[in-house]
Amino acid sequence: MGDVLAALLPPAVVAAVFCTFVVKLLRKEMAPRTSDGRLASEADASSTASGRGTSSTATASRPEADGAAAEGRAKSAEGSGPEVPGDGTERADG
């Protein structure tokens, strides 16, 4: 019985470490995020820090958020899709 347990211990340890890594990775990747991609917990921490801190801290983080929002609006604009080459029927070759 001891031989069987000794043989199964290393794979069990490797499996436990692997499962722990996968769980940590999934928890991080599936965590709630803000619209600009930051983790919600980081956004909460920065908003409370900027409330107690100076206004320059809040102003410094604002352009990044506005830039990401503007980029998102540009991507969702009506004419922002990829151009599809036509079959050549629109051209007047003469």
N, C-alpha and C. Protein backbone atom coordinates (compact mmCIF):
# COMPACT_ATOMS: atom_id res chain seq x y z
N MET A 1 0.84 -1.20 0.00
CA MET A 1 0.00 0.00 0.00
C MET A 1 0.88 1.25 0.00
N GLY A 2 1.96 1.24 0.73
CA GLY A 2 2.85 2.39 0.79
C GLY A 2 3.51 2.67 -0.54
N ASP A 3 3.79 1.61 -1.31
CA ASP A 3 4.39 1.79 -2.64
C ASP A 3 3.43 2.52 -3.59
N VAL A 4 2.16 2.17 -3.49
CA VAL A 4 1.17 2.81 -4.35
C VAL A 4 1.05 4.28 -4.02
N LEU A 5 1.00 4.60 -2.72
CA LEU A 5 0.91 6.00 -2.31
C LEU A 5 2.16 6.77 -2.70
N ALA A 6 3.31 6.16 -2.57
CA ALA A 6 4.56 6.82 -2.96
C ALA A 6 4.61 7.08 -4.45
N ALA A 7 4.01 6.20 -5.23
CA ALA A 7 3.99 6.39 -6.68
C ALA A 7 2.98 7.45 -7.10
N LEU A 8 1.91 7.59 -6.34
CA LEU A 8 0.86 8.54 -6.71
C LEU A 8 1.09 9.94 -6.14
N LEU A 9 1.97 10.10 -5.18
CA LEU A 9 2.18 11.40 -4.54
C LEU A 9 2.72 12.46 -5.50
N PRO A 10 3.77 12.23 -6.28
CA PRO A 10 4.25 13.29 -7.19
C PRO A 10 3.21 13.76 -8.21
N PRO A 11 2.48 12.84 -8.89
CA PRO A 11 1.44 13.35 -9.80
C PRO A 11 0.33 14.12 -9.09
N ALA A 12 0.02 13.73 -7.86
CA ALA A 12 -1.01 14.43 -7.10
C ALA A 12 -0.56 15.84 -6.76
N VAL A 13 0.71 16.00 -6.41
CA VAL A 13 1.24 17.33 -6.09
C VAL A 13 1.24 18.20 -7.33
N VAL A 14 1.68 17.65 -8.46
CA VAL A 14 1.69 18.41 -9.71
C VAL A 14 0.27 18.80 -10.11
N ALA A 15 -0.67 17.90 -9.97
CA ALA A 15 -2.07 18.20 -10.31
C ALA A 15 -2.63 19.29 -9.40
N ALA A 16 -2.30 19.26 -8.12
CA ALA A 16 -2.80 20.27 -7.19
C ALA A 16 -2.23 21.64 -7.52
N VAL A 17 -0.93 21.70 -7.84
CA VAL A 17 -0.31 22.98 -8.22
C VAL A 17 -0.93 23.50 -9.51
N PHE A 18 -1.13 22.63 -10.48
CA PHE A 18 -1.73 23.03 -11.76
C PHE A 18 -3.14 23.56 -11.55
N CYS A 19 -3.95 22.85 -10.77
CA CYS A 19 -5.33 23.30 -10.52
C CYS A 19 -5.35 24.64 -9.78
N THR A 20 -4.43 24.82 -8.84
CA THR A 20 -4.35 26.10 -8.12
C THR A 20 -4.02 27.23 -9.08
N PHE A 21 -3.07 26.99 -9.99
CA PHE A 21 -2.70 28.00 -10.97
C PHE A 21 -3.88 28.35 -11.88
N VAL A 22 -4.58 27.33 -12.35
CA VAL A 22 -5.72 27.57 -13.24
C VAL A 22 -6.82 28.36 -12.52
N VAL A 23 -7.09 28.02 -11.27
CA VAL A 23 -8.13 28.74 -10.52
C VAL A 23 -7.73 30.19 -10.33
N LYS A 24 -6.46 30.44 -9.97
CA LYS A 24 -6.02 31.83 -9.80
C LYS A 24 -6.10 32.60 -11.10
N LEU A 25 -5.70 31.99 -12.19
CA LEU A 25 -5.75 32.65 -13.50
C LEU A 25 -7.18 32.97 -13.89
N LEU A 26 -8.08 32.02 -13.72
CA LEU A 26 -9.48 32.26 -14.09
C LEU A 26 -10.12 33.33 -13.21
N ARG A 27 -9.79 33.34 -11.92
CA ARG A 27 -10.36 34.38 -11.04
C ARG A 27 -9.89 35.76 -11.46
N LYS A 28 -8.63 35.86 -11.89
CA LYS A 28 -8.11 37.16 -12.31
C LYS A 28 -8.73 37.59 -13.64
N GLU A 29 -8.82 36.67 -14.59
CA GLU A 29 -9.33 37.01 -15.92
C GLU A 29 -10.83 37.26 -15.92
N MET A 30 -11.56 36.63 -15.04
CA MET A 30 -13.01 36.77 -15.03
C MET A 30 -13.48 37.80 -14.01
N ALA A 31 -12.56 38.53 -13.40
CA ALA A 31 -12.93 39.55 -12.41
C ALA A 31 -13.69 40.67 -13.10
N PRO A 32 -14.60 41.32 -12.39
CA PRO A 32 -15.34 42.44 -12.98
C PRO A 32 -14.39 43.56 -13.39
N ARG A 33 -14.65 44.15 -14.54
CA ARG A 33 -13.80 45.21 -15.07
C ARG A 33 -14.64 46.44 -15.39
N THR A 34 -13.96 47.59 -15.42
CA THR A 34 -14.63 48.82 -15.81
C THR A 34 -14.69 48.88 -17.33
N SER A 35 -15.33 49.90 -17.86
CA SER A 35 -15.46 50.01 -19.31
C SER A 35 -14.14 50.27 -20.01
N ASP A 36 -13.13 50.79 -19.28
CA ASP A 36 -11.84 51.03 -19.91
C ASP A 36 -10.87 49.88 -19.71
N GLY A 37 -11.31 48.77 -19.13
CA GLY A 37 -10.49 47.58 -19.04
C GLY A 37 -9.78 47.38 -17.72
N ARG A 38 -9.84 48.35 -16.81
CA ARG A 38 -9.18 48.18 -15.51
C ARG A 38 -10.04 47.28 -14.63
N LEU A 39 -9.39 46.59 -13.68
CA LEU A 39 -10.13 45.80 -12.72
C LEU A 39 -11.00 46.73 -11.87
N ALA A 40 -12.19 46.28 -11.52
CA ALA A 40 -13.10 47.11 -10.74
C ALA A 40 -12.52 47.43 -9.37
N SER A 41 -11.79 46.50 -8.78
CA SER A 41 -11.19 46.77 -7.47
C SER A 41 -10.12 47.84 -7.57
N GLU A 42 -9.36 47.87 -8.67
CA GLU A 42 -8.35 48.91 -8.87
C GLU A 42 -9.01 50.26 -9.10
N ALA A 43 -10.12 50.27 -9.82
CA ALA A 43 -10.83 51.52 -10.08
C ALA A 43 -11.41 52.08 -8.79
N ASP A 44 -11.93 51.19 -7.93
CA ASP A 44 -12.47 51.64 -6.64
C ASP A 44 -11.36 52.22 -5.78
N ALA A 45 -10.20 51.57 -5.78
CA ALA A 45 -9.09 52.03 -4.96
C ALA A 45 -8.59 53.39 -5.47
N SER A 46 -8.51 53.56 -6.79
CA SER A 46 -8.04 54.84 -7.32
C SER A 46 -9.05 55.95 -7.12
N SER A 47 -10.35 55.62 -7.14
CA SER A 47 -11.35 56.66 -6.94
C SER A 47 -11.37 57.12 -5.49
N THR A 48 -11.16 56.21 -4.54
CA THR A 48 -11.11 56.63 -3.15
C THR A 48 -9.82 57.38 -2.87
N ALA A 49 -8.73 56.99 -3.51
CA ALA A 49 -7.46 57.69 -3.32
C ALA A 49 -7.53 59.09 -3.93
N SER A 50 -8.18 59.21 -5.09
CA SER A 50 -8.28 60.53 -5.72
C SER A 50 -9.23 61.43 -4.95
N GLY A 51 -10.17 60.86 -4.23
CA GLY A 51 -11.06 61.67 -3.40
C GLY A 51 -10.32 62.27 -2.23
N ARG A 52 -9.35 61.56 -1.67
CA ARG A 52 -8.57 62.06 -0.56
C ARG A 52 -7.33 62.81 -1.04
N GLY A 53 -6.87 62.50 -2.26
CA GLY A 53 -5.63 63.09 -2.75
C GLY A 53 -5.86 64.43 -3.41
N THR A 54 -4.88 64.86 -4.18
CA THR A 54 -4.99 66.14 -4.86
C THR A 54 -5.78 65.98 -6.14
N SER A 55 -6.17 67.08 -6.72
CA SER A 55 -6.94 67.02 -7.96
C SER A 55 -6.07 66.61 -9.14
N SER A 56 -4.76 66.77 -9.04
CA SER A 56 -3.89 66.37 -10.16
C SER A 56 -3.90 64.87 -10.35
N THR A 57 -4.08 64.10 -9.28
CA THR A 57 -4.15 62.65 -9.41
C THR A 57 -5.39 62.26 -10.19
N ALA A 58 -6.52 62.87 -9.87
CA ALA A 58 -7.75 62.55 -10.57
C ALA A 58 -7.67 63.00 -12.02
N THR A 59 -7.05 64.14 -12.27
CA THR A 59 -6.94 64.64 -13.64
C THR A 59 -5.99 63.78 -14.46
N ALA A 60 -4.96 63.25 -13.83
CA ALA A 60 -3.98 62.44 -14.56
C ALA A 60 -4.59 61.14 -15.03
N SER A 61 -5.52 60.57 -14.27
CA SER A 61 -6.11 59.30 -14.68
C SER A 61 -7.28 59.50 -15.64
N ARG A 62 -7.83 60.67 -15.71
CA ARG A 62 -8.99 60.91 -16.54
C ARG A 62 -8.71 60.84 -18.04
N PRO A 63 -7.62 61.39 -18.58
CA PRO A 63 -7.42 61.32 -20.03
C PRO A 63 -7.30 59.90 -20.54
N GLU A 64 -6.75 58.99 -19.76
CA GLU A 64 -6.65 57.61 -20.21
C GLU A 64 -8.03 57.02 -20.39
N ALA A 65 -8.92 57.29 -19.45
CA ALA A 65 -10.27 56.75 -19.53
C ALA A 65 -11.01 57.38 -20.71
N ASP A 66 -10.85 58.69 -20.90
CA ASP A 66 -11.53 59.35 -22.02
C ASP A 66 -10.98 58.85 -23.35
N GLY A 67 -9.68 58.62 -23.43
CA GLY A 67 -9.09 58.11 -24.66
C GLY A 67 -9.61 56.73 -25.00
N ALA A 68 -9.75 55.87 -23.97
CA ALA A 68 -10.26 54.53 -24.22
C ALA A 68 -11.72 54.59 -24.64
N ALA A 69 -12.49 55.50 -24.04
CA ALA A 69 -13.89 55.63 -24.40
C ALA A 69 -14.03 56.16 -25.82
N ALA A 70 -13.19 57.14 -26.18
CA ALA A 70 -13.25 57.68 -27.53
C ALA A 70 -12.85 56.61 -28.55
N GLU A 71 -11.86 55.80 -28.19
CA GLU A 71 -11.45 54.73 -29.10
C GLU A 71 -12.58 53.73 -29.28
N GLY A 72 -13.30 53.42 -28.20
CA GLY A 72 -14.43 52.50 -28.29
C GLY A 72 -15.53 53.06 -29.16
N ARG A 73 -15.78 54.39 -29.05
CA ARG A 73 -16.80 55.00 -29.89
C ARG A 73 -16.38 54.98 -31.35
N ALA A 74 -15.08 55.18 -31.61
CA ALA A 74 -14.61 55.18 -32.99
C ALA A 74 -14.77 53.80 -33.61
N LYS A 75 -14.55 52.77 -32.83
CA LYS A 75 -14.68 51.42 -33.36
C LYS A 75 -16.13 51.06 -33.62
N SER A 76 -17.05 51.63 -32.82
CA SER A 76 -18.44 51.27 -32.99
C SER A 76 -19.17 52.23 -33.93
N ALA A 77 -18.45 53.17 -34.53
CA ALA A 77 -19.08 54.11 -35.44
C ALA A 77 -19.59 53.38 -36.68
N GLU A 78 -20.54 53.99 -37.34
CA GLU A 78 -21.21 53.33 -38.46
C GLU A 78 -20.26 53.02 -39.61
N GLY A 79 -19.39 53.94 -39.95
CA GLY A 79 -18.52 53.74 -41.10
C GLY A 79 -17.15 53.19 -40.76
N SER A 80 -16.99 52.60 -39.58
CA SER A 80 -15.67 52.16 -39.17
C SER A 80 -15.37 50.71 -39.49
N GLY A 81 -16.23 50.05 -40.22
CA GLY A 81 -16.00 48.64 -40.56
C GLY A 81 -14.88 48.50 -41.57
N PRO A 82 -14.35 47.31 -41.70
CA PRO A 82 -13.28 47.11 -42.67
C PRO A 82 -13.81 47.26 -44.10
N GLU A 83 -12.97 47.80 -44.95
CA GLU A 83 -13.40 47.97 -46.33
C GLU A 83 -13.31 46.63 -47.05
N VAL A 84 -14.35 46.32 -47.78
CA VAL A 84 -14.38 45.07 -48.53
C VAL A 84 -14.16 45.42 -49.99
N PRO A 85 -13.17 44.83 -50.62
CA PRO A 85 -12.95 45.15 -52.02
C PRO A 85 -14.12 44.67 -52.87
N GLY A 86 -14.51 45.53 -53.80
CA GLY A 86 -15.64 45.19 -54.66
C GLY A 86 -15.24 44.19 -55.74
N ASP A 87 -16.22 43.79 -56.52
CA ASP A 87 -15.93 42.83 -57.59
C ASP A 87 -15.53 43.54 -58.88
N GLY A 88 -15.41 44.86 -58.83
CA GLY A 88 -14.95 45.61 -59.99
C GLY A 88 -16.06 46.13 -60.88
N THR A 89 -17.31 45.91 -60.51
CA THR A 89 -18.40 46.37 -61.35
C THR A 89 -18.66 47.85 -61.21
N GLU A 90 -18.17 48.48 -60.13
CA GLU A 90 -18.41 49.91 -59.95
C GLU A 90 -17.49 50.75 -60.81
N ARG A 91 -16.36 50.24 -61.23
CA ARG A 91 -15.41 51.02 -62.01
C ARG A 91 -15.85 51.13 -63.47
N ALA A 92 -15.57 52.28 -64.01
CA ALA A 92 -15.86 52.49 -65.43
C ALA A 92 -14.53 52.38 -66.18
N ASP A 93 -14.25 51.23 -66.73
CA ASP A 93 -12.99 51.03 -67.43
C ASP A 93 -13.04 51.53 -68.88
N GLY A 94 -14.16 51.87 -69.34
CA GLY A 94 -14.24 52.48 -70.66
C GLY A 94 -14.45 51.60 -71.78
